Amino acid sequence: MYRFVDVFTRLLQSVHFDHRNVPRVQLDLGSSNTRLMVNSKKVFDQPTLVAFHPITGNVIAIGNNAQEMKGKTPPTVKITTPVRRGRILDEEAMQHFLTALLQMYLPHKGSVYPFFQMNIHVATSSFISQAEKETLRKVLRQLGYAKVVFTTEDRVAFAHLNSRRRMPNVSALVVIGGMTTEICFFNHGERVAQKVLPIGGEDFTKAVLRVLRKRYHCEVSWQSAEKVKKQIGRVAVEQNQFKQSVVRGRDVLTSLPTTVSVSFEKCEEEFMDLARDILTGIQELCQDVQPQIVAEAFESGIFLSGGGAMLEGLAEFLEHQLQTPVMLSSTASDDVIFGLCLIH
């Protein structure tokens, strides 16, 4: 036994191991997109999507590659997103996704890192349960991460915003993700109230799909609907410009290829309904919070973060309705993953 310890000690000395070289890993596990940082460098920012063989468990693709395979695979291949509305719905798919993703950035086999603790910080939605956290922890430990630290998305987004500009002592933050919206009030950096809505950027994409099918009798892929949303999607207090987007899909009546020109006016009602739902959520939380907290927070305005918050006109709509400044973060889609880097 002593001989083994001596040999092991000499081995470590020979490689001149420095614990500061252990990879620092942060994971933003979103419902729509997953972002991964390794040593303060973003190495992955793609859809939370995995394609695999259910029988063999072999992973074919993740992220953008899996997205491109949608609608083009045989029945033997399953393409799914393991996270919906901030909750883990498919544990098997989650394990396949994380394994394929993180193994690309684990140390090479035979390195000395496995003998030391590798840590990973994970941002999750407030919707996630303790049981789901334990499932994630188990998967990550199997991949070599001895310590797994969970933090909610709103907290790390606040941390990043506070690092870029000193946030007011009392502040309001709305984080609009792919499938959830988290509305929070903070007092001296501590969250004092929160409301989570099952609404996010993907709901606006689904609205485009509904409009295309109902009003244009046209079916398109998710990627095409996303493109239309980015080109003409907006929430407007006043409509000052005419926007159109040309998209190619399948006619639902003839099943033949068709090309349609989509105007913003056709999507406006659906988009406004979703924006009003977010507005209602903010107003409802204000009713449950102490008046002085709301008053002081609104003096400084509301801070807007998350990829879903980047929809054109949304900040202006909320500002007009709430009669307080609404400030969209310049790094809205990355506030969460950047905030994770600030956790030690």
Protein backbone atom coordinates (compact mmCIF):
# COMPACT_ATOMS: atom_id res chain seq x y z
CA MET A 1 0.00 0.00 0.00
CA TYR A 2 2.77 2.42 0.96
CA ARG A 3 4.60 1.54 -2.23
CA PHE A 4 1.50 2.38 -4.28
CA VAL A 5 1.13 5.75 -2.55
CA ASP A 6 4.80 6.52 -3.18
CA VAL A 7 4.50 5.63 -6.87
CA PHE A 8 1.30 7.70 -7.20
CA THR A 9 2.96 10.70 -5.51
CA ARG A 10 5.95 10.49 -7.82
CA LEU A 11 3.60 10.30 -10.82
CA LEU A 12 1.87 13.54 -9.83
CA GLN A 13 5.18 15.26 -9.20
CA SER A 14 6.42 14.20 -12.60
CA VAL A 15 3.55 15.89 -14.42
CA HIS A 16 3.92 19.09 -12.34
CA PHE A 17 0.15 19.20 -11.71
CA ASP A 18 -1.30 22.59 -10.91
CA HIS A 19 -4.87 22.63 -9.57
CA ARG A 20 -5.38 25.99 -11.26
CA ASN A 21 -5.31 24.13 -14.60
CA VAL A 22 -8.45 22.12 -13.79
CA PRO A 23 -11.09 23.23 -16.33
CA ARG A 24 -13.66 25.73 -15.08
CA VAL A 25 -17.00 24.74 -16.56
CA GLN A 26 -20.35 26.59 -16.61
CA LEU A 27 -23.54 25.19 -18.13
CA ASP A 28 -26.70 27.15 -18.95
CA LEU A 29 -29.22 24.38 -19.52
CA GLY A 30 -32.07 26.19 -21.24
CA SER A 31 -35.32 24.86 -22.63
CA SER A 32 -34.50 26.19 -26.10
CA ASN A 33 -30.74 26.66 -26.12
CA THR A 34 -27.85 25.34 -24.08
CA ARG A 35 -24.68 27.34 -23.56
CA LEU A 36 -21.39 25.94 -22.29
CA MET A 37 -18.38 27.90 -21.06
CA VAL A 38 -14.97 26.29 -20.49
CA ASN A 39 -12.27 28.44 -18.91
CA SER A 40 -14.28 31.63 -19.59
CA LYS A 41 -14.69 30.78 -23.28
CA LYS A 42 -18.10 30.01 -24.77
CA VAL A 43 -17.66 26.75 -26.66
CA PHE A 44 -21.28 25.75 -27.29
CA ASP A 45 -24.41 27.82 -27.95
CA GLN A 46 -26.95 25.66 -29.75
CA PRO A 47 -30.46 24.18 -29.38
CA THR A 48 -31.08 21.81 -26.48
CA LEU A 49 -31.78 18.98 -28.89
CA VAL A 50 -30.47 15.43 -29.30
CA ALA A 51 -30.88 12.78 -32.00
CA PHE A 52 -30.24 9.19 -30.93
CA HIS A 53 -31.22 5.54 -31.46
CA PRO A 54 -33.64 4.61 -28.63
CA ILE A 55 -32.69 0.92 -28.79
CA THR A 56 -28.90 1.19 -28.86
CA GLY A 57 -28.60 4.57 -27.15
CA ASN A 58 -26.11 5.73 -29.77
CA VAL A 59 -26.15 9.52 -30.16
CA ILE A 60 -26.16 10.73 -33.75
CA ALA A 61 -26.17 14.49 -33.26
CA ILE A 62 -26.89 17.31 -30.82
CA GLY A 63 -27.61 21.00 -31.16
CA ASN A 64 -27.69 22.52 -34.65
CA ASN A 65 -26.89 19.20 -36.33
CA ALA A 66 -29.87 17.56 -34.63
CA GLN A 67 -32.04 20.54 -35.58
CA GLU A 68 -31.15 20.12 -39.25
CA MET A 69 -32.18 16.45 -39.09
CA LYS A 70 -35.74 17.21 -37.97
CA GLY A 71 -38.30 15.74 -40.36
CA LYS A 72 -35.63 13.89 -42.33
CA THR A 73 -34.94 10.83 -40.17
CA PRO A 74 -36.32 7.27 -40.17
CA PRO A 75 -38.61 6.06 -37.34
CA THR A 76 -35.62 4.33 -35.71
CA VAL A 77 -34.10 7.70 -34.82
CA LYS A 78 -35.56 9.85 -32.04
CA ILE A 79 -35.06 13.61 -32.08
CA THR A 80 -36.19 15.36 -28.93
CA THR A 81 -35.52 18.18 -26.52
CA PRO A 82 -35.10 16.86 -22.98
CA VAL A 83 -36.15 20.13 -21.31
CA ARG A 84 -39.56 21.78 -21.67
CA ARG A 85 -40.68 24.89 -19.80
CA GLY A 86 -37.67 24.56 -17.53
CA ARG A 87 -38.53 20.99 -16.50
CA ILE A 88 -36.73 17.76 -17.43
CA LEU A 89 -39.27 15.66 -19.30
CA ASP A 90 -37.03 12.98 -20.78
CA GLU A 91 -34.29 11.71 -18.47
CA GLU A 92 -32.87 9.33 -21.09
CA ALA A 93 -32.59 12.09 -23.68
CA MET A 94 -31.05 14.40 -21.07
CA GLN A 95 -28.36 11.85 -20.25
CA HIS A 96 -27.56 11.33 -23.94
CA PHE A 97 -27.45 15.09 -24.57
CA LEU A 98 -25.19 15.96 -21.65
CA THR A 99 -22.92 12.99 -22.23
CA ALA A 100 -22.39 13.86 -25.89
CA LEU A 101 -21.90 17.56 -25.07
CA LEU A 102 -19.59 17.37 -22.08
CA GLN A 103 -17.44 14.48 -23.24
CA MET A 104 -16.19 16.75 -26.01
CA TYR A 105 -14.64 18.98 -23.35
CA LEU A 106 -13.54 16.47 -20.71
CA PRO A 107 -9.78 15.87 -20.29
CA HIS A 108 -8.26 13.15 -22.41
CA LYS A 109 -8.27 9.65 -21.05
CA GLY A 110 -5.25 9.02 -18.88
CA SER A 111 -4.82 12.59 -17.67
CA VAL A 112 -4.41 13.34 -13.97
CA TYR A 113 -7.60 15.42 -13.75
CA PRO A 114 -9.85 12.50 -12.77
CA PHE A 115 -7.89 12.22 -9.51
CA PHE A 116 -8.94 15.75 -8.58
CA GLN A 117 -12.28 17.45 -8.20
CA MET A 118 -13.67 19.06 -11.30
CA ASN A 119 -16.51 21.47 -10.58
CA ILE A 120 -19.38 22.56 -12.80
CA HIS A 121 -21.84 25.40 -12.23
CA VAL A 122 -25.28 24.88 -13.75
CA ALA A 123 -28.03 27.46 -14.32
CA THR A 124 -31.58 26.10 -14.33
CA SER A 125 -35.11 27.44 -14.35
CA SER A 126 -36.91 27.96 -11.05
CA PHE A 127 -39.45 25.40 -12.31
CA ILE A 128 -37.01 22.52 -11.87
CA SER A 129 -37.70 20.16 -8.96
CA GLN A 130 -35.24 18.79 -6.41
CA ALA A 131 -35.65 15.31 -7.90
CA GLU A 132 -34.72 16.63 -11.34
CA LYS A 133 -31.67 18.36 -9.86
CA GLU A 134 -30.56 15.05 -8.35
CA THR A 135 -30.96 13.37 -11.74
CA LEU A 136 -28.75 16.05 -13.29
CA ARG A 137 -26.25 15.76 -10.48
CA LYS A 138 -26.01 11.99 -10.99
CA VAL A 139 -25.40 12.33 -14.73
CA LEU A 140 -22.76 15.03 -14.25
CA ARG A 141 -20.94 13.06 -11.58
CA GLN A 142 -20.78 10.06 -13.89
CA LEU A 143 -19.08 12.36 -16.38
CA GLY A 144 -16.37 13.28 -13.91
CA TYR A 145 -17.71 16.33 -12.11
CA ALA A 146 -17.37 15.76 -8.38
CA LYS A 147 -19.04 19.02 -7.37
CA VAL A 148 -22.19 20.29 -9.07
CA VAL A 149 -23.49 23.73 -8.09
CA PHE A 150 -27.00 24.76 -9.16
CA THR A 151 -28.13 28.38 -9.47
CA THR A 152 -31.35 29.81 -10.87
CA GLU A 153 -31.21 31.77 -14.10
CA ASP A 154 -32.58 34.98 -12.60
CA ARG A 155 -29.87 35.11 -9.92
CA VAL A 156 -26.95 34.71 -12.31
CA ALA A 157 -28.47 37.11 -14.85
CA PHE A 158 -28.73 39.67 -12.04
CA ALA A 159 -25.12 38.97 -11.04
CA HIS A 160 -23.89 39.67 -14.56
CA LEU A 161 -25.93 42.85 -14.93
CA ASN A 162 -24.64 44.01 -11.55
CA SER A 163 -21.05 43.40 -12.66
CA ARG A 164 -21.50 45.56 -15.77
CA ARG A 165 -23.35 48.38 -14.09
CA ARG A 166 -24.05 48.76 -10.42
CA MET A 167 -27.68 47.77 -10.00
CA PRO A 168 -29.96 49.86 -7.76
CA ASN A 169 -30.42 48.61 -4.19
CA VAL A 170 -34.00 47.70 -5.08
CA SER A 171 -34.51 46.56 -8.65
CA ALA A 172 -36.88 44.62 -10.89
CA LEU A 173 -35.63 42.07 -13.43
CA VAL A 174 -37.52 40.18 -16.12
CA VAL A 175 -35.69 37.27 -17.77
CA ILE A 176 -37.49 35.98 -20.88
CA GLY A 177 -36.04 32.67 -21.98
CA GLY A 178 -37.04 30.21 -24.66
CA MET A 179 -40.01 28.77 -22.78
CA THR A 180 -40.24 30.59 -19.44
CA THR A 181 -40.30 34.14 -18.13
CA GLU A 182 -38.97 34.88 -14.65
CA ILE A 183 -40.07 38.13 -13.03
CA CYS A 184 -38.17 39.11 -9.89
CA PHE A 185 -37.64 41.89 -7.40
CA PHE A 186 -34.24 42.18 -5.74
CA ASN A 187 -33.31 44.06 -2.57
CA HIS A 188 -29.56 44.57 -2.02
CA GLY A 189 -28.79 41.60 -4.26
CA GLU A 190 -31.25 39.23 -2.60
CA ARG A 191 -34.39 38.08 -4.39
CA VAL A 192 -37.45 39.07 -2.37
CA ALA A 193 -40.22 38.13 -4.80
CA GLN A 194 -40.59 36.03 -7.92
CA LYS A 195 -43.15 34.88 -10.45
CA VAL A 196 -42.45 32.37 -13.22
CA LEU A 197 -44.60 32.30 -16.37
CA PRO A 198 -44.74 29.42 -18.89
CA ILE A 199 -44.12 31.91 -21.72
CA GLY A 200 -40.98 32.43 -23.76
CA GLY A 201 -39.52 33.15 -27.16
CA GLU A 202 -40.66 29.81 -28.57
CA ASP A 203 -44.30 30.79 -28.00
CA PHE A 204 -43.83 33.62 -30.49
CA THR A 205 -42.40 31.11 -32.97
CA LYS A 206 -45.41 28.84 -32.42
CA ALA A 207 -47.63 31.85 -33.09
CA VAL A 208 -45.96 32.22 -36.51
CA LEU A 209 -46.62 28.53 -37.24
CA ARG A 210 -50.30 28.94 -36.31
CA VAL A 211 -50.72 32.05 -38.46
CA LEU A 212 -49.08 30.40 -41.47
CA ARG A 213 -51.31 27.34 -41.22
CA LYS A 214 -54.55 29.15 -40.40
CA ARG A 215 -54.32 32.20 -42.66
CA TYR A 216 -51.98 31.04 -45.41
CA HIS A 217 -52.73 27.28 -45.40
CA CYS A 218 -49.00 26.71 -45.32
CA GLU A 219 -46.88 24.38 -43.18
CA VAL A 220 -43.21 25.21 -42.63
CA SER A 221 -40.35 23.90 -40.54
CA TRP A 222 -39.47 25.29 -37.13
CA GLN A 223 -36.34 26.88 -38.57
CA SER A 224 -38.39 28.69 -41.22
CA ALA A 225 -40.84 29.98 -38.61
CA GLU A 226 -37.91 31.27 -36.54
CA LYS A 227 -36.61 33.09 -39.59
CA VAL A 228 -40.01 34.72 -40.18
CA LYS A 229 -40.20 35.76 -36.51
CA LYS A 230 -36.80 37.43 -36.68
CA GLN A 231 -37.60 39.19 -39.96
CA ILE A 232 -41.06 40.60 -39.25
CA GLY A 233 -41.83 39.77 -35.62
CA ARG A 234 -42.37 42.73 -33.36
CA VAL A 235 -44.54 44.03 -30.56
CA ALA A 236 -45.50 47.58 -31.38
CA VAL A 237 -47.31 50.33 -29.54
CA GLU A 238 -47.70 52.09 -32.88
CA GLN A 239 -47.23 50.43 -36.24
CA ASN A 240 -45.08 52.70 -38.41
CA GLN A 241 -43.65 50.35 -40.98
CA PHE A 242 -44.86 47.56 -43.23
CA LYS A 243 -42.89 44.33 -42.95
CA GLN A 244 -43.06 41.16 -45.01
CA SER A 245 -41.21 37.86 -45.13
CA VAL A 246 -41.22 35.30 -47.95
CA VAL A 247 -41.24 31.66 -46.85
CA ARG A 248 -41.49 28.36 -48.68
CA GLY A 249 -43.45 25.44 -47.27
CA ARG A 250 -46.16 22.87 -48.00
CA ASP A 251 -49.75 23.71 -48.90
CA VAL A 252 -52.02 21.99 -46.36
CA LEU A 253 -54.77 21.57 -48.97
CA THR A 254 -52.82 20.19 -51.92
CA SER A 255 -49.70 18.90 -50.08
CA LEU A 256 -47.63 20.57 -52.81
CA PRO A 257 -44.77 23.05 -52.28
CA THR A 258 -45.88 26.65 -52.00
CA THR A 259 -44.37 30.08 -51.41
CA VAL A 260 -46.18 32.71 -49.37
CA SER A 261 -45.47 36.28 -48.37
CA VAL A 262 -46.21 36.82 -44.67
CA SER A 263 -47.01 40.30 -43.36
CA PHE A 264 -46.56 41.54 -39.80
CA GLU A 265 -50.23 42.51 -39.59
CA LYS A 266 -51.24 38.83 -39.73
CA CYS A 267 -49.06 38.01 -36.72
CA GLU A 268 -49.66 41.20 -34.76
CA GLU A 269 -52.66 39.98 -32.76
CA GLU A 270 -50.95 36.75 -31.66
CA PHE A 271 -47.77 38.57 -30.67
CA MET A 272 -49.67 41.24 -28.75
CA ASP A 273 -51.58 38.57 -26.79
CA LEU A 274 -48.30 37.01 -25.63
CA ALA A 275 -46.84 40.40 -24.74
CA ARG A 276 -49.95 41.19 -22.70
CA ASP A 277 -49.56 37.90 -20.83
CA ILE A 278 -46.05 38.94 -19.79
CA LEU A 279 -47.36 42.38 -18.83
CA THR A 280 -50.11 40.79 -16.72
CA GLY A 281 -47.54 38.62 -14.96
CA ILE A 282 -45.52 41.70 -13.99
CA GLN A 283 -48.63 43.49 -12.75
CA GLU A 284 -49.74 40.47 -10.71
CA LEU A 285 -46.36 40.22 -8.98
CA CYS A 286 -46.48 43.92 -8.20
CA GLN A 287 -49.75 43.31 -6.36
CA ASP A 288 -48.07 40.71 -4.12
CA VAL A 289 -44.99 42.78 -3.28
CA GLN A 290 -44.73 45.45 -0.61
CA PRO A 291 -45.67 48.85 -2.09
CA GLN A 292 -42.36 50.50 -1.14
CA ILE A 293 -40.41 47.78 -2.94
CA VAL A 294 -42.40 48.30 -6.14
CA ALA A 295 -42.21 52.08 -5.91
CA GLU A 296 -38.44 52.15 -5.36
CA ALA A 297 -37.76 49.57 -8.08
CA PHE A 298 -39.85 51.42 -10.64
CA GLU A 299 -37.97 54.65 -9.94
CA SER A 300 -34.94 53.03 -11.57
CA GLY A 301 -36.96 51.08 -14.13
CA ILE A 302 -37.18 47.43 -15.11
CA PHE A 303 -34.22 45.49 -16.45
CA LEU A 304 -34.93 43.08 -19.29
CA SER A 305 -32.77 40.04 -20.06
CA GLY A 306 -32.92 36.69 -21.86
CA GLY A 307 -32.97 35.78 -25.55
CA GLY A 308 -36.76 36.10 -25.73
CA ALA A 309 -36.53 39.71 -24.56
CA MET A 310 -34.80 40.70 -27.81
CA LEU A 311 -38.07 40.67 -29.79
CA GLU A 312 -38.37 44.06 -31.47
CA GLY A 313 -40.67 46.47 -29.69
CA LEU A 314 -41.23 44.34 -26.57
CA ALA A 315 -39.24 46.62 -24.27
CA GLU A 316 -41.01 49.69 -25.66
CA PHE A 317 -44.41 48.02 -25.20
CA LEU A 318 -43.72 47.21 -21.54
CA GLU A 319 -42.33 50.68 -20.94
CA HIS A 320 -45.45 52.29 -22.41
CA GLN A 321 -47.84 50.10 -20.41
CA LEU A 322 -45.98 50.22 -17.07
CA GLN A 323 -45.03 53.89 -17.31
CA THR A 324 -41.46 53.22 -16.19
CA PRO A 325 -38.16 52.87 -18.08
CA VAL A 326 -37.51 49.35 -19.40
CA MET A 327 -33.86 48.69 -20.20
CA LEU A 328 -32.89 45.78 -22.45
CA SER A 329 -29.50 44.28 -21.67
CA SER A 330 -26.98 44.56 -24.50
CA THR A 331 -25.96 40.95 -23.76
CA ALA A 332 -29.48 39.68 -23.11
CA SER A 333 -29.03 36.17 -24.51
CA ASP A 334 -25.71 35.64 -22.66
CA ASP A 335 -26.40 37.25 -19.27
CA VAL A 336 -27.05 33.87 -17.64
CA ILE A 337 -23.93 32.06 -18.89
CA PHE A 338 -21.73 35.11 -18.23
CA GLY A 339 -23.22 35.41 -14.76
CA LEU A 340 -22.27 31.81 -14.01
CA CYS A 341 -18.62 32.73 -14.58
CA LEU A 342 -18.85 35.12 -11.63
CA ILE A 343 -19.70 32.30 -9.21
CA HIS A 344 -16.73 30.87 -7.35
